[in-house]
N, C-alpha and C. Protein backbone atom coordinates (compact mmCIF):
# COMPACT_ATOMS: atom_id res chain seq x y z
N MET A 1 -1.75 -13.90 2.82
CA MET A 1 -0.47 -14.55 2.51
C MET A 1 0.05 -14.04 1.18
N ARG A 2 1.27 -13.53 1.21
CA ARG A 2 1.91 -13.06 -0.04
C ARG A 2 2.34 -14.18 -0.92
N VAL A 3 2.07 -14.02 -2.19
CA VAL A 3 2.37 -15.04 -3.21
C VAL A 3 3.28 -14.38 -4.28
N ARG A 4 3.83 -15.30 -5.05
CA ARG A 4 4.76 -14.94 -6.23
C ARG A 4 4.07 -15.56 -7.45
N VAL A 5 3.75 -14.83 -8.43
CA VAL A 5 3.16 -15.32 -9.65
C VAL A 5 3.93 -14.83 -10.86
N GLU A 6 4.34 -15.69 -11.79
CA GLU A 6 5.10 -15.32 -12.94
C GLU A 6 4.25 -15.55 -14.23
N HIS A 7 4.18 -14.52 -14.99
CA HIS A 7 3.40 -14.65 -16.32
C HIS A 7 4.31 -14.19 -17.45
N ASP A 8 4.14 -14.80 -18.55
CA ASP A 8 4.75 -14.34 -19.83
C ASP A 8 3.62 -13.71 -20.66
N TYR A 9 3.94 -12.50 -21.12
CA TYR A 9 3.02 -11.81 -22.04
C TYR A 9 3.59 -11.61 -23.42
N TYR A 10 3.39 -12.63 -24.27
CA TYR A 10 3.93 -12.48 -25.65
C TYR A 10 3.15 -11.60 -26.47
N GLY A 11 3.89 -10.77 -27.26
CA GLY A 11 3.27 -9.74 -28.07
C GLY A 11 3.14 -8.46 -27.40
N VAL A 12 3.47 -8.34 -26.14
CA VAL A 12 3.45 -7.10 -25.34
C VAL A 12 4.88 -6.80 -24.98
N PRO A 13 5.44 -5.72 -25.68
CA PRO A 13 6.81 -5.41 -25.34
C PRO A 13 6.95 -4.85 -23.91
N LEU A 14 8.21 -4.90 -23.45
CA LEU A 14 8.45 -4.43 -21.98
C LEU A 14 8.01 -3.08 -21.74
N TRP A 15 8.27 -2.12 -22.62
CA TRP A 15 7.91 -0.74 -22.41
C TRP A 15 6.33 -0.56 -22.32
N LEU A 16 5.58 -1.35 -23.06
CA LEU A 16 4.18 -1.36 -23.07
C LEU A 16 3.66 -2.00 -21.78
N MET A 17 4.26 -3.05 -21.32
CA MET A 17 3.78 -3.62 -20.04
C MET A 17 3.99 -2.69 -18.92
N LYS A 18 5.09 -1.88 -18.88
CA LYS A 18 5.30 -0.90 -17.86
C LYS A 18 4.19 0.18 -17.92
N GLU A 19 3.88 0.60 -19.13
CA GLU A 19 2.82 1.64 -19.30
C GLU A 19 1.50 1.07 -18.77
N TYR A 20 1.12 -0.22 -19.12
CA TYR A 20 -0.10 -0.81 -18.59
C TYR A 20 -0.12 -0.78 -17.07
N LEU A 21 0.94 -1.29 -16.50
CA LEU A 21 0.96 -1.35 -15.07
C LEU A 21 0.92 0.00 -14.40
N MET A 22 1.48 1.07 -14.97
CA MET A 22 1.25 2.40 -14.41
C MET A 22 -0.07 2.88 -14.58
N GLN A 23 -0.75 2.53 -15.70
CA GLN A 23 -2.16 2.93 -15.83
C GLN A 23 -3.05 2.28 -14.81
N LEU A 24 -2.60 1.20 -14.33
CA LEU A 24 -3.31 0.50 -13.28
C LEU A 24 -2.96 0.86 -11.87
N GLY A 25 -2.28 2.00 -11.76
CA GLY A 25 -2.00 2.49 -10.41
C GLY A 25 -0.60 2.29 -9.93
N GLY A 26 0.25 1.72 -10.78
CA GLY A 26 1.65 1.49 -10.36
C GLY A 26 2.53 2.68 -10.55
N ARG A 27 3.66 2.69 -9.90
CA ARG A 27 4.67 3.64 -10.08
C ARG A 27 6.04 3.04 -10.21
N GLU A 28 6.77 3.66 -11.04
CA GLU A 28 8.14 3.04 -11.36
C GLU A 28 9.04 3.24 -10.18
N VAL A 29 9.59 2.19 -9.56
CA VAL A 29 10.48 2.24 -8.48
C VAL A 29 11.92 2.11 -8.96
N ASP A 30 12.13 1.32 -10.03
CA ASP A 30 13.41 1.05 -10.62
C ASP A 30 13.13 0.87 -12.08
N GLU A 31 14.15 0.66 -12.90
CA GLU A 31 13.96 0.63 -14.32
C GLU A 31 12.95 -0.52 -14.66
N ASN A 32 13.03 -1.61 -14.06
CA ASN A 32 12.21 -2.72 -14.32
C ASN A 32 11.28 -3.17 -13.09
N VAL A 33 11.00 -2.32 -12.23
CA VAL A 33 10.19 -2.59 -11.04
C VAL A 33 9.06 -1.53 -10.98
N ILE A 34 7.81 -2.06 -10.94
CA ILE A 34 6.68 -1.23 -10.79
C ILE A 34 5.96 -1.67 -9.43
N GLU A 35 5.59 -0.74 -8.67
CA GLU A 35 4.78 -1.03 -7.40
C GLU A 35 3.47 -0.29 -7.40
N GLY A 36 2.47 -1.03 -6.94
CA GLY A 36 1.13 -0.46 -6.79
C GLY A 36 0.61 -0.76 -5.37
N GLU A 37 -0.62 -0.38 -5.14
CA GLU A 37 -1.14 -0.55 -3.87
C GLU A 37 -1.29 -2.04 -3.54
N GLY A 38 -0.39 -2.59 -2.75
CA GLY A 38 -0.48 -4.05 -2.34
C GLY A 38 0.22 -4.94 -3.29
N TRP A 39 0.88 -4.50 -4.31
CA TRP A 39 1.51 -5.38 -5.28
C TRP A 39 2.83 -4.81 -5.83
N ARG A 40 3.65 -5.71 -6.38
CA ARG A 40 4.91 -5.31 -6.89
C ARG A 40 5.17 -6.19 -8.11
N ALA A 41 5.71 -5.58 -9.16
CA ALA A 41 5.95 -6.36 -10.42
C ALA A 41 7.40 -6.13 -10.84
N GLU A 42 8.06 -7.19 -11.10
CA GLU A 42 9.43 -7.11 -11.64
C GLU A 42 9.33 -7.59 -13.07
N LEU A 43 9.90 -6.82 -14.04
CA LEU A 43 9.78 -7.20 -15.44
C LEU A 43 11.12 -7.42 -16.08
N ARG A 44 11.08 -8.28 -17.14
CA ARG A 44 12.28 -8.48 -17.96
C ARG A 44 11.73 -8.99 -19.32
N LYS A 45 12.63 -8.91 -20.30
CA LYS A 45 12.19 -9.48 -21.69
C LYS A 45 11.96 -10.89 -21.58
N ALA A 46 10.88 -11.42 -22.17
CA ALA A 46 10.65 -12.81 -22.28
C ALA A 46 11.51 -13.50 -23.34
N GLU A 47 11.84 -14.73 -23.14
CA GLU A 47 12.58 -15.40 -24.16
C GLU A 47 11.75 -15.52 -25.38
N ARG A 48 12.30 -15.29 -26.61
CA ARG A 48 11.56 -15.31 -27.81
C ARG A 48 10.99 -16.69 -28.04
N ARG A 49 9.78 -16.70 -28.52
CA ARG A 49 9.08 -18.01 -29.00
C ARG A 49 9.22 -18.10 -30.41
N HIS A 50 9.49 -19.26 -30.92
CA HIS A 50 9.55 -19.50 -32.35
C HIS A 50 8.46 -20.50 -32.79
N ILE A 51 7.66 -20.11 -33.70
CA ILE A 51 6.60 -20.94 -34.31
C ILE A 51 6.91 -20.97 -35.74
N GLY A 52 7.51 -22.01 -36.28
CA GLY A 52 7.95 -22.03 -37.70
C GLY A 52 8.93 -20.91 -37.90
N SER A 53 8.65 -20.08 -38.92
CA SER A 53 9.52 -18.96 -39.16
C SER A 53 9.12 -17.69 -38.29
N LEU A 54 8.05 -17.79 -37.61
CA LEU A 54 7.59 -16.66 -36.77
C LEU A 54 8.32 -16.58 -35.44
N SER A 55 8.78 -15.42 -35.16
CA SER A 55 9.47 -15.21 -33.85
C SER A 55 8.74 -14.15 -33.09
N VAL A 56 8.28 -14.40 -31.84
CA VAL A 56 7.52 -13.40 -31.03
C VAL A 56 8.18 -13.24 -29.69
N GLY A 57 8.39 -11.97 -29.35
CA GLY A 57 8.97 -11.51 -28.10
C GLY A 57 7.80 -11.01 -27.16
N GLY A 58 8.24 -10.59 -26.06
CA GLY A 58 7.19 -10.05 -25.06
C GLY A 58 7.93 -9.77 -23.74
N ALA A 59 7.06 -9.75 -22.68
CA ALA A 59 7.57 -9.38 -21.29
C ALA A 59 7.19 -10.52 -20.32
N THR A 60 8.20 -10.83 -19.54
CA THR A 60 7.95 -11.72 -18.41
C THR A 60 7.84 -10.92 -17.17
N THR A 61 6.71 -11.03 -16.46
CA THR A 61 6.44 -10.24 -15.32
C THR A 61 6.26 -11.12 -14.10
N ILE A 62 6.98 -10.81 -13.02
CA ILE A 62 6.87 -11.63 -11.76
C ILE A 62 6.13 -10.68 -10.71
N PHE A 63 4.97 -11.09 -10.31
CA PHE A 63 4.12 -10.31 -9.43
C PHE A 63 4.29 -10.84 -8.03
N PHE A 64 4.23 -9.88 -7.07
CA PHE A 64 4.31 -10.22 -5.63
C PHE A 64 3.15 -9.48 -4.90
N GLY A 65 2.39 -10.19 -4.06
CA GLY A 65 1.27 -9.49 -3.35
C GLY A 65 0.37 -10.51 -2.81
N GLU A 66 -0.64 -10.06 -2.21
CA GLU A 66 -1.73 -10.98 -1.68
C GLU A 66 -2.51 -11.50 -2.89
N GLN A 67 -2.88 -12.77 -2.84
CA GLN A 67 -3.66 -13.37 -3.98
C GLN A 67 -4.82 -12.56 -4.39
N GLU A 68 -5.57 -12.14 -3.41
CA GLU A 68 -6.83 -11.39 -3.74
C GLU A 68 -6.47 -10.07 -4.47
N THR A 69 -5.47 -9.40 -4.04
CA THR A 69 -5.02 -8.15 -4.69
C THR A 69 -4.53 -8.46 -6.13
N LEU A 70 -3.78 -9.46 -6.31
CA LEU A 70 -3.32 -9.82 -7.63
C LEU A 70 -4.42 -10.26 -8.60
N ASP A 71 -5.41 -11.03 -8.00
CA ASP A 71 -6.53 -11.40 -8.80
C ASP A 71 -7.25 -10.18 -9.43
N VAL A 72 -7.45 -9.13 -8.67
CA VAL A 72 -8.09 -7.96 -9.17
C VAL A 72 -7.16 -7.35 -10.23
N LEU A 73 -5.91 -7.23 -9.91
CA LEU A 73 -4.93 -6.62 -10.88
C LEU A 73 -4.88 -7.42 -12.18
N PHE A 74 -4.85 -8.79 -12.15
CA PHE A 74 -4.81 -9.64 -13.34
C PHE A 74 -6.05 -9.49 -14.17
N GLU A 75 -7.21 -9.26 -13.53
CA GLU A 75 -8.46 -9.17 -14.32
C GLU A 75 -8.39 -7.85 -15.10
N ARG A 76 -7.91 -6.79 -14.47
CA ARG A 76 -7.83 -5.44 -15.17
C ARG A 76 -6.71 -5.51 -16.22
N LEU A 77 -5.62 -6.16 -15.90
CA LEU A 77 -4.46 -6.26 -16.84
C LEU A 77 -4.90 -7.05 -18.06
N HIS A 78 -5.69 -8.10 -17.79
CA HIS A 78 -6.07 -9.04 -18.95
C HIS A 78 -6.74 -8.24 -20.03
N TRP A 79 -7.57 -7.24 -19.79
CA TRP A 79 -8.22 -6.47 -20.82
C TRP A 79 -7.29 -5.59 -21.50
N LYS A 80 -6.16 -5.20 -20.91
CA LYS A 80 -5.18 -4.40 -21.60
C LYS A 80 -4.28 -5.23 -22.56
N THR A 81 -4.08 -6.48 -22.15
CA THR A 81 -3.09 -7.31 -22.96
C THR A 81 -3.77 -8.17 -23.94
N LEU A 82 -5.06 -8.07 -24.15
CA LEU A 82 -5.74 -8.79 -25.28
C LEU A 82 -5.16 -8.24 -26.55
N ARG A 83 -4.75 -9.16 -27.45
CA ARG A 83 -4.06 -8.65 -28.66
C ARG A 83 -4.86 -9.16 -29.86
N GLY A 84 -5.75 -8.32 -30.33
CA GLY A 84 -6.59 -8.65 -31.53
C GLY A 84 -5.76 -8.91 -32.72
N GLY A 85 -6.02 -9.97 -33.37
CA GLY A 85 -5.23 -10.28 -34.52
C GLY A 85 -3.87 -11.01 -34.35
N GLY A 86 -3.65 -11.25 -33.09
CA GLY A 86 -2.37 -12.00 -32.76
C GLY A 86 -1.18 -11.22 -32.46
């Protein structure tokens, strides 16, 4: 069954998220659409988060695919999006 999963990746700019997804086997279909084997990701800038005087941007990514396929993708993507030091 195909599912839709939305994630916000703060501290990861849009251009870097595209690069990560292409490193994981995706190809650019449109300016903000990346497709891989059994999955599709639509990207946009995340709304900025404000914590006191700190403002953090990032990427919002909407994934489509079979849950099992996305679980594997998320595990691999997790290691790329770990941001040491915040």
